[in-house]
Amino acid sequence: MSSSARTAGDLFVIAAASGTGKTSLIAALLERCPRLALSVSDTTRPARRGEIDGQHYHFVDVDAFRKGIEASRYLEHAEVFGNYYGTSRERVEALWREGRDVLLEIDVQGAAQVRQAHPDAGMVFILPPSLSTLGERLHGRGLDEPEVIRRRLDEARREIGACGDFDWLVVNDDFDRAVSELAAIVTAWPLRRARQSWRVRQLLDEDANAITIRD
């Protein structure tokens, strides 16, 4: 059996509170790890300034999204601030067929669903240096009103409280160091025992009598 015998690539989840810098970290991570592919989520929220359909999100209407839920087309889905977000099961499986590992950029609600369906997924949570720093970042983006920022900070506290369910925690204080830590996780995760068990079976299946021993 060779490494090509694996039926699917690995699945990684990166979650973080809004404003933690997750999107920028993921973009840098994808450049360092060419085997890794981002599965772009569907959402019902309107596109923000500069967002491109199919690159940042697949923007769909509410009726289409609800039909997708009913048809079990989503690997995970969640409602956040009145909008739906979800990961297309078909897109993930298509990337696996291409021999890629798949990265999901989702929230803690979606991460919990992925964990239940794929307990072997690598779960990473990005932490801000502090909540005050997170508030400054949200304000600096200029995208939200003060009341929305306060609501996002309340949500951030709730999400950070759920980080104990994740395998890895990375603090985005120093950007380059955080990217290096993420790349190290992606590199090490396929080497875990559960993923490498086929190598053990291959070794044990070898015929000891057929091995040439030299004096």
Protein backbone atom coordinates (compact mmCIF):
# COMPACT_ATOMS: atom_id res chain seq x y z
CA MET A 1 0.00 0.00 0.00
CA SER A 2 1.37 3.45 -0.87
CA SER A 3 0.47 6.94 0.32
CA SER A 4 -1.84 7.16 -2.68
CA ALA A 5 -4.04 4.57 -0.98
CA ARG A 6 -5.41 7.21 1.36
CA THR A 7 -9.03 7.81 0.39
CA ALA A 8 -9.13 11.52 1.22
CA GLY A 9 -6.92 14.40 2.18
CA ASP A 10 -6.87 15.97 5.59
CA LEU A 11 -9.45 18.47 6.79
CA PHE A 12 -8.45 21.58 8.75
CA VAL A 13 -10.68 24.09 10.50
CA ILE A 14 -9.54 27.58 11.45
CA ALA A 15 -11.90 29.62 13.59
CA ALA A 16 -11.50 32.97 15.31
CA ALA A 17 -13.45 35.95 16.54
CA SER A 18 -14.13 38.67 13.98
CA GLY A 19 -11.18 41.06 13.68
CA THR A 20 -8.55 38.59 14.87
CA GLY A 21 -6.78 38.63 11.50
CA LYS A 22 -7.86 35.15 10.48
CA THR A 23 -8.37 35.94 6.79
CA SER A 24 -4.90 37.48 6.37
CA LEU A 25 -3.29 34.58 8.23
CA ILE A 26 -5.06 32.05 6.01
CA ALA A 27 -3.96 33.84 2.83
CA ALA A 28 -0.33 33.67 3.98
CA LEU A 29 -0.72 30.04 5.08
CA LEU A 30 -2.06 28.99 1.67
CA GLU A 31 1.03 30.48 0.02
CA ARG A 32 3.30 28.41 2.28
CA CYS A 33 1.34 25.16 1.95
CA PRO A 34 0.53 24.56 -1.75
CA ARG A 35 -1.25 21.24 -1.06
CA LEU A 36 -3.75 23.09 1.13
CA ALA A 37 -6.90 24.49 -0.52
CA LEU A 38 -9.52 26.78 0.98
CA SER A 39 -13.14 25.74 0.55
CA VAL A 40 -15.01 29.00 -0.05
CA SER A 41 -18.20 29.18 2.01
CA ASP A 42 -21.71 30.12 0.92
CA THR A 43 -23.38 33.03 2.68
CA THR A 44 -26.64 34.92 2.51
CA ARG A 45 -25.19 38.22 3.74
CA PRO A 46 -24.57 41.01 1.21
CA ALA A 47 -21.09 41.38 -0.19
CA ARG A 48 -18.94 43.98 1.52
CA ARG A 49 -16.84 46.55 -0.27
CA GLY A 50 -14.12 44.81 -2.27
CA GLU A 51 -15.48 41.26 -1.83
CA ILE A 52 -15.66 39.09 -4.95
CA ASP A 53 -18.27 36.37 -5.44
CA GLY A 54 -16.58 32.97 -5.57
CA GLN A 55 -13.34 34.27 -4.07
CA HIS A 56 -14.31 35.57 -0.64
CA TYR A 57 -17.73 33.88 -0.45
CA HIS A 58 -20.34 32.39 -2.72
CA PHE A 59 -23.20 34.84 -2.21
CA VAL A 60 -26.59 33.10 -2.39
CA ASP A 61 -30.14 34.05 -1.47
CA VAL A 62 -31.89 32.75 1.63
CA ASP A 63 -34.24 30.42 -0.25
CA ALA A 64 -31.38 28.71 -2.09
CA PHE A 65 -29.46 28.30 1.17
CA ARG A 66 -32.43 26.79 3.00
CA LYS A 67 -33.00 24.34 0.16
CA GLY A 68 -29.33 23.36 0.45
CA ILE A 69 -29.82 22.65 4.16
CA GLU A 70 -32.88 20.50 3.45
CA ALA A 71 -30.95 18.55 0.80
CA SER A 72 -27.96 18.01 3.18
CA ARG A 73 -25.67 19.80 0.75
CA TYR A 74 -23.79 21.52 3.57
CA LEU A 75 -21.03 19.88 5.59
CA GLU A 76 -21.75 22.51 8.23
CA HIS A 77 -23.88 25.62 8.44
CA ALA A 78 -24.66 28.31 10.97
CA GLU A 79 -26.67 31.48 11.39
CA VAL A 80 -24.58 34.46 12.54
CA PHE A 81 -26.05 37.94 13.10
CA GLY A 82 -29.10 37.00 11.03
CA ASN A 83 -27.17 35.62 8.05
CA TYR A 84 -26.50 32.02 7.01
CA TYR A 85 -23.01 30.64 6.36
CA GLY A 86 -22.21 27.13 5.17
CA THR A 87 -19.60 24.80 3.64
CA SER A 88 -20.57 22.94 0.48
CA ARG A 89 -20.02 19.23 0.96
CA GLU A 90 -19.56 18.81 -2.80
CA ARG A 91 -16.75 21.39 -2.97
CA VAL A 92 -14.83 19.75 -0.13
CA GLU A 93 -15.11 16.29 -1.70
CA ALA A 94 -14.07 17.67 -5.11
CA LEU A 95 -10.88 19.10 -3.59
CA TRP A 96 -10.14 15.78 -1.92
CA ARG A 97 -10.51 14.03 -5.27
CA GLU A 98 -7.88 16.42 -6.64
CA GLY A 99 -5.49 15.23 -3.93
CA ARG A 100 -5.70 18.39 -1.87
CA ASP A 101 -6.02 18.94 1.87
CA VAL A 102 -8.98 21.19 2.66
CA LEU A 103 -9.13 24.21 4.94
CA LEU A 104 -12.39 25.61 6.30
CA GLU A 105 -12.59 29.17 7.59
CA ILE A 106 -15.67 28.97 9.80
CA ASP A 107 -17.05 29.98 13.20
CA VAL A 108 -17.30 27.92 16.37
CA GLN A 109 -20.86 26.79 15.55
CA GLY A 110 -19.76 25.30 12.25
CA ALA A 111 -16.58 23.91 13.81
CA ALA A 112 -18.66 21.92 16.30
CA GLN A 113 -20.62 20.34 13.44
CA VAL A 114 -17.43 19.48 11.55
CA ARG A 115 -15.93 17.96 14.69
CA GLN A 116 -18.96 15.70 15.05
CA ALA A 117 -18.95 14.58 11.41
CA HIS A 118 -15.14 14.44 11.02
CA PRO A 119 -13.53 13.84 14.44
CA ASP A 120 -10.12 13.48 12.77
CA ALA A 121 -10.17 17.07 11.46
CA GLY A 122 -7.40 19.39 12.67
CA MET A 123 -9.07 22.16 14.68
CA VAL A 124 -7.23 25.47 15.10
CA PHE A 125 -8.43 28.56 16.97
CA ILE A 126 -6.82 31.98 16.46
CA LEU A 127 -6.67 34.12 19.59
CA PRO A 128 -6.19 37.91 19.70
CA PRO A 129 -3.49 39.26 22.04
CA SER A 130 -6.26 40.83 24.14
CA LEU A 131 -9.89 41.91 23.84
CA SER A 132 -8.82 45.56 23.92
CA THR A 133 -6.53 44.93 20.93
CA LEU A 134 -9.40 43.17 19.17
CA GLY A 135 -11.66 46.18 19.79
CA GLU A 136 -9.02 48.49 18.30
CA ARG A 137 -8.73 46.28 15.22
CA LEU A 138 -12.49 46.19 14.71
CA HIS A 139 -12.71 49.97 15.05
CA GLY A 140 -9.76 50.45 12.69
CA ARG A 141 -11.44 48.46 9.92
CA GLY A 142 -14.09 51.16 9.63
CA LEU A 143 -16.72 48.63 8.60
CA ASP A 144 -19.06 48.67 11.60
CA GLU A 145 -20.90 51.10 13.84
CA PRO A 146 -19.88 51.26 17.54
CA GLU A 147 -22.92 49.23 18.60
CA VAL A 148 -22.03 46.50 16.12
CA ILE A 149 -18.44 46.47 17.40
CA ARG A 150 -19.67 46.06 20.97
CA ARG A 151 -21.86 43.17 19.84
CA ARG A 152 -18.93 41.57 18.04
CA LEU A 153 -16.77 41.88 21.16
CA ASP A 154 -19.48 40.16 23.21
CA GLU A 155 -19.61 37.41 20.60
CA ALA A 156 -15.80 37.21 20.62
CA ARG A 157 -15.80 36.55 24.37
CA ARG A 158 -18.28 33.70 23.85
CA GLU A 159 -16.25 32.22 20.99
CA ILE A 160 -12.98 32.43 22.91
CA GLY A 161 -14.68 30.56 25.74
CA ALA A 162 -15.20 27.66 23.31
CA CYS A 163 -11.55 27.43 22.24
CA GLY A 164 -11.00 24.52 24.64
CA ASP A 165 -12.70 22.29 22.06
CA PHE A 166 -9.90 22.95 19.55
CA ASP A 167 -6.66 21.00 19.11
CA TRP A 168 -4.41 24.01 18.60
CA LEU A 169 -4.39 27.65 19.79
CA VAL A 170 -2.39 30.29 17.91
CA VAL A 171 -2.10 33.87 19.18
CA ASN A 172 -2.01 36.47 16.40
CA ASP A 173 0.28 38.94 18.12
CA ASP A 174 3.24 38.69 15.76
CA PHE A 175 1.87 37.96 12.26
CA ASP A 176 4.91 36.16 10.81
CA ARG A 177 5.26 33.96 13.87
CA ALA A 178 1.54 33.10 13.79
CA VAL A 179 1.80 32.06 10.12
CA SER A 180 4.84 29.91 10.90
CA GLU A 181 2.97 28.22 13.75
CA LEU A 182 0.00 27.50 11.48
CA ALA A 183 2.29 26.05 8.82
CA ALA A 184 3.94 23.83 11.44
CA ILE A 185 0.52 22.49 12.46
CA VAL A 186 -0.44 21.72 8.86
CA THR A 187 2.90 19.97 8.30
CA ALA A 188 2.77 17.89 11.49
CA TRP A 189 -0.91 16.91 11.45
CA PRO A 190 -0.69 14.22 8.70
CA LEU A 191 2.09 12.49 10.70
CA ARG A 192 -0.18 11.64 13.64
CA ARG A 193 -0.50 7.96 14.47
CA ALA A 194 -4.09 7.58 13.25
CA ARG A 195 -3.16 8.97 9.85
CA GLN A 196 0.02 6.89 9.52
CA SER A 197 -1.46 3.57 10.63
CA TRP A 198 -1.34 2.25 7.05
CA ARG A 199 2.46 2.53 7.20
CA VAL A 200 2.53 0.32 10.29
CA ARG A 201 0.33 -2.26 8.56
CA GLN A 202 2.62 -2.16 5.53
CA LEU A 203 5.67 -2.86 7.69
CA LEU A 204 4.00 -5.69 9.58
CA ASP A 205 2.72 -7.28 6.37
CA GLU A 206 6.24 -7.65 4.97
CA ASP A 207 7.47 -11.21 4.78
CA ALA A 208 10.47 -11.38 7.13
CA ASN A 209 11.70 -14.58 5.39
CA ALA A 210 11.86 -12.76 2.06
CA ILE A 211 14.13 -10.02 3.37
CA THR A 212 17.79 -10.42 2.44
CA ILE A 213 20.10 -10.19 5.44
CA ARG A 214 23.74 -9.38 4.68
CA ASP A 215 26.59 -10.53 6.90
